[in-house]
Amino acid sequence: MRKIFSICISVLFMLSVNAQSKKPLIYSDALARDKKMQISGAVLTVIGGVTFFAGNIMYRNAYNGDSSQDTNEENADKSVRVMLGGLGIMAVGIPLFTIGKKNERRIRIQARLVNFKGSASINGIGLKIRF
């Protein structure tokens, strides 16, 4: 049991170490990654919202139809599952969208700060003093 536990811990540690990037991200790579995160979050949020709305309609139709009581209960259970699935998808999509948007904004601000129009010397790092 201890061997299995230690093997699982070491495999998880190796996966987490190998998942880290070996090189620093370039501005365009980081911006593209955050833009993709934002788009996927928006898509998941929309899909989750539509699924939740469809589950609501299914729930309403479960008790307003011409079916028997047993079928109504089964349909209501299915519609509740669909609604919970939609909420789950939205719960994943909303944080993805907000984190992607926040990171994109942070990267753009850092890029503006690096590309400031300062008075720097041609010979290297230093300041110019003009009189």
N, C-alpha and C. Protein backbone atom coordinates (compact mmCIF):
# COMPACT_ATOMS: atom_id res chain seq x y z
N MET A 1 0.82 -1.19 0.00
CA MET A 1 0.00 0.00 0.00
C MET A 1 0.87 1.25 0.00
N ARG A 2 1.94 1.21 0.78
CA ARG A 2 2.82 2.37 0.82
C ARG A 2 3.52 2.59 -0.51
N LYS A 3 3.87 1.49 -1.18
CA LYS A 3 4.53 1.61 -2.48
C LYS A 3 3.61 2.26 -3.49
N ILE A 4 2.37 1.83 -3.51
CA ILE A 4 1.40 2.40 -4.46
C ILE A 4 1.19 3.88 -4.16
N PHE A 5 1.06 4.23 -2.89
CA PHE A 5 0.87 5.62 -2.51
C PHE A 5 2.08 6.47 -2.90
N SER A 6 3.27 5.97 -2.64
CA SER A 6 4.48 6.73 -2.99
C SER A 6 4.66 6.85 -4.50
N ILE A 7 4.28 5.81 -5.24
CA ILE A 7 4.36 5.88 -6.70
C ILE A 7 3.37 6.92 -7.23
N CYS A 8 2.16 6.93 -6.70
CA CYS A 8 1.16 7.92 -7.14
C CYS A 8 1.63 9.34 -6.84
N ILE A 9 2.19 9.56 -5.67
CA ILE A 9 2.67 10.90 -5.31
C ILE A 9 3.81 11.31 -6.23
N SER A 10 4.74 10.39 -6.51
CA SER A 10 5.87 10.75 -7.38
C SER A 10 5.41 11.00 -8.81
N VAL A 11 4.44 10.23 -9.30
CA VAL A 11 3.92 10.47 -10.65
C VAL A 11 3.23 11.82 -10.72
N LEU A 12 2.43 12.17 -9.72
CA LEU A 12 1.77 13.48 -9.71
C LEU A 12 2.79 14.61 -9.65
N PHE A 13 3.85 14.42 -8.87
CA PHE A 13 4.89 15.44 -8.78
C PHE A 13 5.60 15.60 -10.12
N MET A 14 5.89 14.48 -10.78
CA MET A 14 6.57 14.54 -12.08
C MET A 14 5.69 15.22 -13.12
N LEU A 15 4.39 14.93 -13.09
CA LEU A 15 3.49 15.56 -14.04
C LEU A 15 3.42 17.06 -13.82
N SER A 16 3.38 17.48 -12.57
CA SER A 16 3.29 18.91 -12.30
C SER A 16 4.59 19.63 -12.68
N VAL A 17 5.73 18.97 -12.50
CA VAL A 17 7.00 19.58 -12.88
C VAL A 17 7.13 19.65 -14.39
N ASN A 18 6.72 18.60 -15.09
CA ASN A 18 6.83 18.58 -16.55
C ASN A 18 5.82 19.50 -17.22
N ALA A 19 4.74 19.85 -16.53
CA ALA A 19 3.73 20.72 -17.11
C ALA A 19 4.19 22.17 -17.14
N GLN A 20 5.18 22.51 -16.35
CA GLN A 20 5.65 23.89 -16.32
C GLN A 20 6.47 24.19 -17.56
N SER A 21 6.38 25.40 -18.00
CA SER A 21 7.08 25.81 -19.21
C SER A 21 8.57 25.97 -18.92
N LYS A 22 9.39 25.54 -19.86
CA LYS A 22 10.84 25.63 -19.69
C LYS A 22 11.37 26.99 -20.12
N LYS A 23 10.66 27.68 -21.01
CA LYS A 23 11.11 28.97 -21.48
C LYS A 23 10.09 30.04 -21.09
N PRO A 24 10.53 31.25 -20.91
CA PRO A 24 9.56 32.31 -20.59
C PRO A 24 8.69 32.62 -21.80
N LEU A 25 7.47 32.98 -21.53
CA LEU A 25 6.54 33.28 -22.61
C LEU A 25 6.86 34.63 -23.24
N ILE A 26 6.77 34.67 -24.53
CA ILE A 26 6.91 35.92 -25.25
C ILE A 26 5.56 36.63 -25.19
N TYR A 27 5.58 37.94 -25.39
CA TYR A 27 4.37 38.75 -25.28
C TYR A 27 3.25 38.19 -26.16
N SER A 28 3.55 37.89 -27.41
CA SER A 28 2.51 37.44 -28.33
C SER A 28 1.99 36.06 -27.93
N ASP A 29 2.86 35.18 -27.43
CA ASP A 29 2.42 33.86 -27.00
C ASP A 29 1.50 33.96 -25.78
N ALA A 30 1.89 34.79 -24.84
CA ALA A 30 1.08 34.95 -23.63
C ALA A 30 -0.26 35.60 -23.96
N LEU A 31 -0.24 36.57 -24.86
CA LEU A 31 -1.47 37.24 -25.24
C LEU A 31 -2.40 36.28 -25.98
N ALA A 32 -1.84 35.44 -26.86
CA ALA A 32 -2.66 34.47 -27.58
C ALA A 32 -3.23 33.43 -26.63
N ARG A 33 -2.45 32.99 -25.64
CA ARG A 33 -2.93 32.01 -24.67
C ARG A 33 -4.09 32.57 -23.87
N ASP A 34 -3.96 33.81 -23.42
CA ASP A 34 -5.03 34.41 -22.62
C ASP A 34 -6.26 34.72 -23.47
N LYS A 35 -6.06 35.05 -24.73
CA LYS A 35 -7.20 35.29 -25.62
C LYS A 35 -7.97 33.99 -25.85
N LYS A 36 -7.23 32.88 -26.04
CA LYS A 36 -7.89 31.58 -26.20
C LYS A 36 -8.65 31.19 -24.94
N MET A 37 -8.07 31.49 -23.78
CA MET A 37 -8.74 31.19 -22.51
C MET A 37 -10.03 32.00 -22.39
N GLN A 38 -9.97 33.24 -22.81
CA GLN A 38 -11.14 34.11 -22.74
C GLN A 38 -12.23 33.61 -23.69
N ILE A 39 -11.85 33.23 -24.90
CA ILE A 39 -12.83 32.75 -25.88
C ILE A 39 -13.46 31.44 -25.43
N SER A 40 -12.64 30.51 -24.92
CA SER A 40 -13.20 29.24 -24.47
C SER A 40 -14.11 29.45 -23.26
N GLY A 41 -13.77 30.38 -22.39
CA GLY A 41 -14.65 30.69 -21.26
C GLY A 41 -15.97 31.26 -21.71
N ALA A 42 -15.94 32.13 -22.71
CA ALA A 42 -17.19 32.71 -23.23
C ALA A 42 -18.05 31.64 -23.89
N VAL A 43 -17.41 30.74 -24.65
CA VAL A 43 -18.17 29.67 -25.31
C VAL A 43 -18.79 28.74 -24.28
N LEU A 44 -18.03 28.36 -23.26
CA LEU A 44 -18.58 27.48 -22.22
C LEU A 44 -19.71 28.17 -21.46
N THR A 45 -19.59 29.45 -21.22
CA THR A 45 -20.64 30.18 -20.51
C THR A 45 -21.93 30.22 -21.33
N VAL A 46 -21.79 30.46 -22.63
CA VAL A 46 -22.98 30.50 -23.49
C VAL A 46 -23.61 29.12 -23.59
N ILE A 47 -22.80 28.09 -23.77
CA ILE A 47 -23.35 26.73 -23.86
C ILE A 47 -24.03 26.34 -22.55
N GLY A 48 -23.42 26.68 -21.42
CA GLY A 48 -24.03 26.38 -20.13
C GLY A 48 -25.33 27.13 -19.92
N GLY A 49 -25.38 28.39 -20.35
CA GLY A 49 -26.62 29.17 -20.23
C GLY A 49 -27.74 28.60 -21.07
N VAL A 50 -27.41 28.20 -22.30
CA VAL A 50 -28.43 27.61 -23.17
C VAL A 50 -28.91 26.28 -22.60
N THR A 51 -27.98 25.48 -22.07
CA THR A 51 -28.36 24.20 -21.47
C THR A 51 -29.24 24.41 -20.24
N PHE A 52 -28.89 25.38 -19.42
CA PHE A 52 -29.70 25.67 -18.24
C PHE A 52 -31.10 26.13 -18.64
N PHE A 53 -31.18 26.99 -19.66
CA PHE A 53 -32.47 27.48 -20.14
C PHE A 53 -33.30 26.33 -20.72
N ALA A 54 -32.65 25.43 -21.47
CA ALA A 54 -33.36 24.28 -22.03
C ALA A 54 -33.87 23.37 -20.91
N GLY A 55 -33.10 23.20 -19.86
CA GLY A 55 -33.55 22.40 -18.72
C GLY A 55 -34.74 23.02 -18.03
N ASN A 56 -34.76 24.35 -17.95
CA ASN A 56 -35.93 25.05 -17.38
C ASN A 56 -37.18 24.80 -18.20
N ILE A 57 -37.04 24.88 -19.50
CA ILE A 57 -38.20 24.65 -20.38
C ILE A 57 -38.66 23.20 -20.27
N MET A 58 -37.71 22.27 -20.21
CA MET A 58 -38.07 20.86 -20.05
C MET A 58 -38.80 20.62 -18.73
N TYR A 59 -38.36 21.28 -17.67
CA TYR A 59 -39.00 21.13 -16.36
C TYR A 59 -40.43 21.66 -16.39
N ARG A 60 -40.61 22.80 -17.03
CA ARG A 60 -41.96 23.36 -17.13
C ARG A 60 -42.87 22.45 -17.95
N ASN A 61 -42.34 21.90 -19.04
CA ASN A 61 -43.15 21.03 -19.89
C ASN A 61 -43.41 19.67 -19.26
N ALA A 62 -42.62 19.28 -18.27
CA ALA A 62 -42.82 17.97 -17.64
C ALA A 62 -44.14 17.92 -16.90
N TYR A 63 -44.57 19.02 -16.31
CA TYR A 63 -45.82 19.03 -15.55
C TYR A 63 -46.98 19.66 -16.30
N ASN A 64 -46.73 20.25 -17.46
CA ASN A 64 -47.81 20.85 -18.23
C ASN A 64 -48.22 20.01 -19.43
N GLY A 65 -47.70 18.80 -19.54
CA GLY A 65 -48.01 17.94 -20.68
C GLY A 65 -49.19 17.04 -20.38
N ASP A 66 -49.50 16.14 -21.31
CA ASP A 66 -50.61 15.20 -21.16
C ASP A 66 -50.12 13.82 -20.74
N SER A 67 -49.00 13.73 -20.05
CA SER A 67 -48.41 12.44 -19.69
C SER A 67 -48.95 11.96 -18.35
N SER A 68 -48.60 10.73 -18.02
CA SER A 68 -48.99 10.18 -16.72
C SER A 68 -48.05 10.73 -15.63
N GLN A 69 -48.38 10.46 -14.39
CA GLN A 69 -47.62 10.99 -13.27
C GLN A 69 -46.20 10.42 -13.22
N ASP A 70 -46.03 9.12 -13.53
CA ASP A 70 -44.70 8.51 -13.51
C ASP A 70 -43.80 9.13 -14.56
N THR A 71 -44.33 9.36 -15.73
CA THR A 71 -43.54 9.97 -16.80
C THR A 71 -43.18 11.40 -16.45
N ASN A 72 -44.09 12.11 -15.77
CA ASN A 72 -43.79 13.48 -15.35
C ASN A 72 -42.61 13.53 -14.39
N GLU A 73 -42.60 12.59 -13.45
CA GLU A 73 -41.50 12.56 -12.48
C GLU A 73 -40.17 12.24 -13.17
N GLU A 74 -40.19 11.30 -14.11
CA GLU A 74 -38.97 10.95 -14.84
C GLU A 74 -38.47 12.13 -15.67
N ASN A 75 -39.40 12.79 -16.35
CA ASN A 75 -39.02 13.95 -17.16
C ASN A 75 -38.52 15.09 -16.29
N ALA A 76 -39.13 15.26 -15.11
CA ALA A 76 -38.67 16.31 -14.21
C ALA A 76 -37.26 16.01 -13.70
N ASP A 77 -36.99 14.74 -13.41
CA ASP A 77 -35.64 14.37 -12.96
C ASP A 77 -34.62 14.62 -14.07
N LYS A 78 -34.96 14.27 -15.29
CA LYS A 78 -34.05 14.51 -16.42
C LYS A 78 -33.80 16.00 -16.61
N SER A 79 -34.85 16.79 -16.49
CA SER A 79 -34.69 18.23 -16.71
C SER A 79 -33.86 18.87 -15.60
N VAL A 80 -34.00 18.36 -14.37
CA VAL A 80 -33.18 18.87 -13.27
C VAL A 80 -31.71 18.55 -13.53
N ARG A 81 -31.44 17.35 -14.04
CA ARG A 81 -30.06 16.99 -14.37
C ARG A 81 -29.50 17.88 -15.47
N VAL A 82 -30.33 18.19 -16.46
CA VAL A 82 -29.88 19.07 -17.54
C VAL A 82 -29.58 20.47 -16.99
N MET A 83 -30.45 20.96 -16.10
CA MET A 83 -30.20 22.27 -15.50
C MET A 83 -28.92 22.28 -14.68
N LEU A 84 -28.68 21.23 -13.90
CA LEU A 84 -27.45 21.17 -13.10
C LEU A 84 -26.21 21.05 -13.99
N GLY A 85 -26.35 20.33 -15.10
CA GLY A 85 -25.24 20.26 -16.05
C GLY A 85 -24.93 21.63 -16.64
N GLY A 86 -25.97 22.38 -16.99
CA GLY A 86 -25.78 23.72 -17.51
C GLY A 86 -25.12 24.64 -16.49
N LEU A 87 -25.53 24.52 -15.23
CA LEU A 87 -24.90 25.33 -14.18
C LEU A 87 -23.43 24.95 -14.00
N GLY A 88 -23.14 23.66 -14.11
CA GLY A 88 -21.76 23.21 -13.99
C GLY A 88 -20.89 23.74 -15.11
N ILE A 89 -21.41 23.72 -16.32
CA ILE A 89 -20.65 24.25 -17.46
C ILE A 89 -20.43 25.75 -17.31
N MET A 90 -21.46 26.46 -16.85
CA MET A 90 -21.30 27.89 -16.62
C MET A 90 -20.31 28.17 -15.50
N ALA A 91 -20.29 27.31 -14.48
CA ALA A 91 -19.35 27.49 -13.37
C ALA A 91 -17.91 27.32 -13.82
N VAL A 92 -17.68 26.60 -14.89
CA VAL A 92 -16.34 26.47 -15.44
C VAL A 92 -16.04 27.63 -16.38
N GLY A 93 -17.02 28.05 -17.15
CA GLY A 93 -16.80 29.06 -18.18
C GLY A 93 -16.58 30.46 -17.64
N ILE A 94 -17.30 30.84 -16.61
CA ILE A 94 -17.19 32.20 -16.09
C ILE A 94 -15.81 32.49 -15.51
N PRO A 95 -15.23 31.62 -14.68
CA PRO A 95 -13.87 31.91 -14.21
C PRO A 95 -12.83 31.91 -15.33
N LEU A 96 -12.98 31.02 -16.31
CA LEU A 96 -12.05 31.02 -17.44
C LEU A 96 -12.08 32.36 -18.17
N PHE A 97 -13.28 32.87 -18.40
CA PHE A 97 -13.41 34.14 -19.11
C PHE A 97 -12.80 35.28 -18.30
N THR A 98 -13.10 35.33 -17.00
CA THR A 98 -12.61 36.46 -16.21
C THR A 98 -11.10 36.39 -16.00
N ILE A 99 -10.55 35.21 -15.79
CA ILE A 99 -9.10 35.09 -15.62
C ILE A 99 -8.37 35.42 -16.92
N GLY A 100 -8.91 34.96 -18.05
CA GLY A 100 -8.30 35.30 -19.34
C GLY A 100 -8.33 36.80 -19.61
N LYS A 101 -9.43 37.44 -19.28
CA LYS A 101 -9.55 38.89 -19.49
C LYS A 101 -8.60 39.65 -18.57
N LYS A 102 -8.51 39.21 -17.31
CA LYS A 102 -7.63 39.89 -16.37
C LYS A 102 -6.16 39.74 -16.78
N ASN A 103 -5.77 38.54 -17.19
CA ASN A 103 -4.39 38.33 -17.61
C ASN A 103 -4.06 39.11 -18.88
N GLU A 104 -5.01 39.16 -19.81
CA GLU A 104 -4.79 39.91 -21.04
C GLU A 104 -4.58 41.40 -20.74
N ARG A 105 -5.41 41.93 -19.85
CA ARG A 105 -5.28 43.34 -19.47
C ARG A 105 -3.94 43.60 -18.78
N ARG A 106 -3.53 42.68 -17.90
CA ARG A 106 -2.26 42.82 -17.19
C ARG A 106 -1.08 42.79 -18.16
N ILE A 107 -1.13 41.90 -19.14
CA ILE A 107 -0.04 41.81 -20.12
C ILE A 107 0.02 43.07 -20.97
N ARG A 108 -1.12 43.59 -21.36
CA ARG A 108 -1.12 44.82 -22.17
C ARG A 108 -0.56 46.01 -21.38
N ILE A 109 -0.90 46.09 -20.11
CA ILE A 109 -0.38 47.19 -19.27
C ILE A 109 1.13 47.04 -19.10
N GLN A 110 1.61 45.84 -18.86
CA GLN A 110 3.05 45.63 -18.73
C GLN A 110 3.78 45.94 -20.01
N ALA A 111 3.17 45.64 -21.15
CA ALA A 111 3.82 45.95 -22.43
C ALA A 111 3.90 47.46 -22.64
N ARG A 112 2.89 48.20 -22.21
CA ARG A 112 2.95 49.65 -22.33
C ARG A 112 4.02 50.24 -21.42
N LEU A 113 4.17 49.67 -20.22
CA LEU A 113 5.18 50.17 -19.30
C LEU A 113 6.59 49.91 -19.80
N VAL A 114 6.81 48.79 -20.46
CA VAL A 114 8.13 48.47 -20.98
C VAL A 114 8.47 49.35 -22.17
N ASN A 115 7.51 49.67 -22.99
CA ASN A 115 7.74 50.45 -24.20
C ASN A 115 7.53 51.94 -23.97
N PHE A 116 7.97 52.46 -22.84
CA PHE A 116 7.77 53.87 -22.57
C PHE A 116 8.73 54.71 -23.42
N LYS A 117 8.35 55.91 -23.69
CA LYS A 117 9.16 56.82 -24.49
C LYS A 117 10.03 57.65 -23.54
N GLY A 118 11.05 57.03 -23.05
CA GLY A 118 11.93 57.72 -22.13
C GLY A 118 13.14 58.29 -22.84
N SER A 119 13.92 58.99 -22.12
CA SER A 119 15.13 59.58 -22.66
C SER A 119 16.30 58.70 -22.22
N ALA A 120 16.69 57.77 -23.08
CA ALA A 120 17.77 56.84 -22.75
C ALA A 120 18.96 57.12 -23.65
N SER A 121 20.11 56.76 -23.17
CA SER A 121 21.34 57.01 -23.91
C SER A 121 21.56 55.92 -24.95
N ILE A 122 22.24 56.24 -26.03
CA ILE A 122 22.52 55.29 -27.09
C ILE A 122 23.61 54.31 -26.66
N ASN A 123 24.53 54.73 -25.81
CA ASN A 123 25.66 53.91 -25.41
C ASN A 123 25.28 52.78 -24.45
N GLY A 124 24.14 52.78 -23.92
CA GLY A 124 23.73 51.74 -23.00
C GLY A 124 22.68 52.27 -22.04
N ILE A 125 22.64 51.67 -20.90
CA ILE A 125 21.66 52.08 -19.91
C ILE A 125 22.16 53.33 -19.22
N GLY A 126 21.34 54.30 -19.15
CA GLY A 126 21.70 55.55 -18.50
C GLY A 126 20.64 56.59 -18.76
N LEU A 127 20.88 57.78 -18.28
CA LEU A 127 19.94 58.87 -18.48
C LEU A 127 20.63 60.01 -19.20
N LYS A 128 19.89 60.73 -19.98
CA LYS A 128 20.39 61.92 -20.64
C LYS A 128 19.97 63.14 -19.83
N ILE A 129 20.88 64.03 -19.68
CA ILE A 129 20.57 65.29 -19.00
C ILE A 129 20.78 66.39 -20.01
N ARG A 130 19.75 67.16 -20.25
CA ARG A 130 19.86 68.26 -21.20
C ARG A 130 19.70 69.58 -20.46
N PHE A 131 20.53 70.54 -20.88
CA PHE A 131 20.45 71.87 -20.28
C PHE A 131 20.07 72.87 -21.32
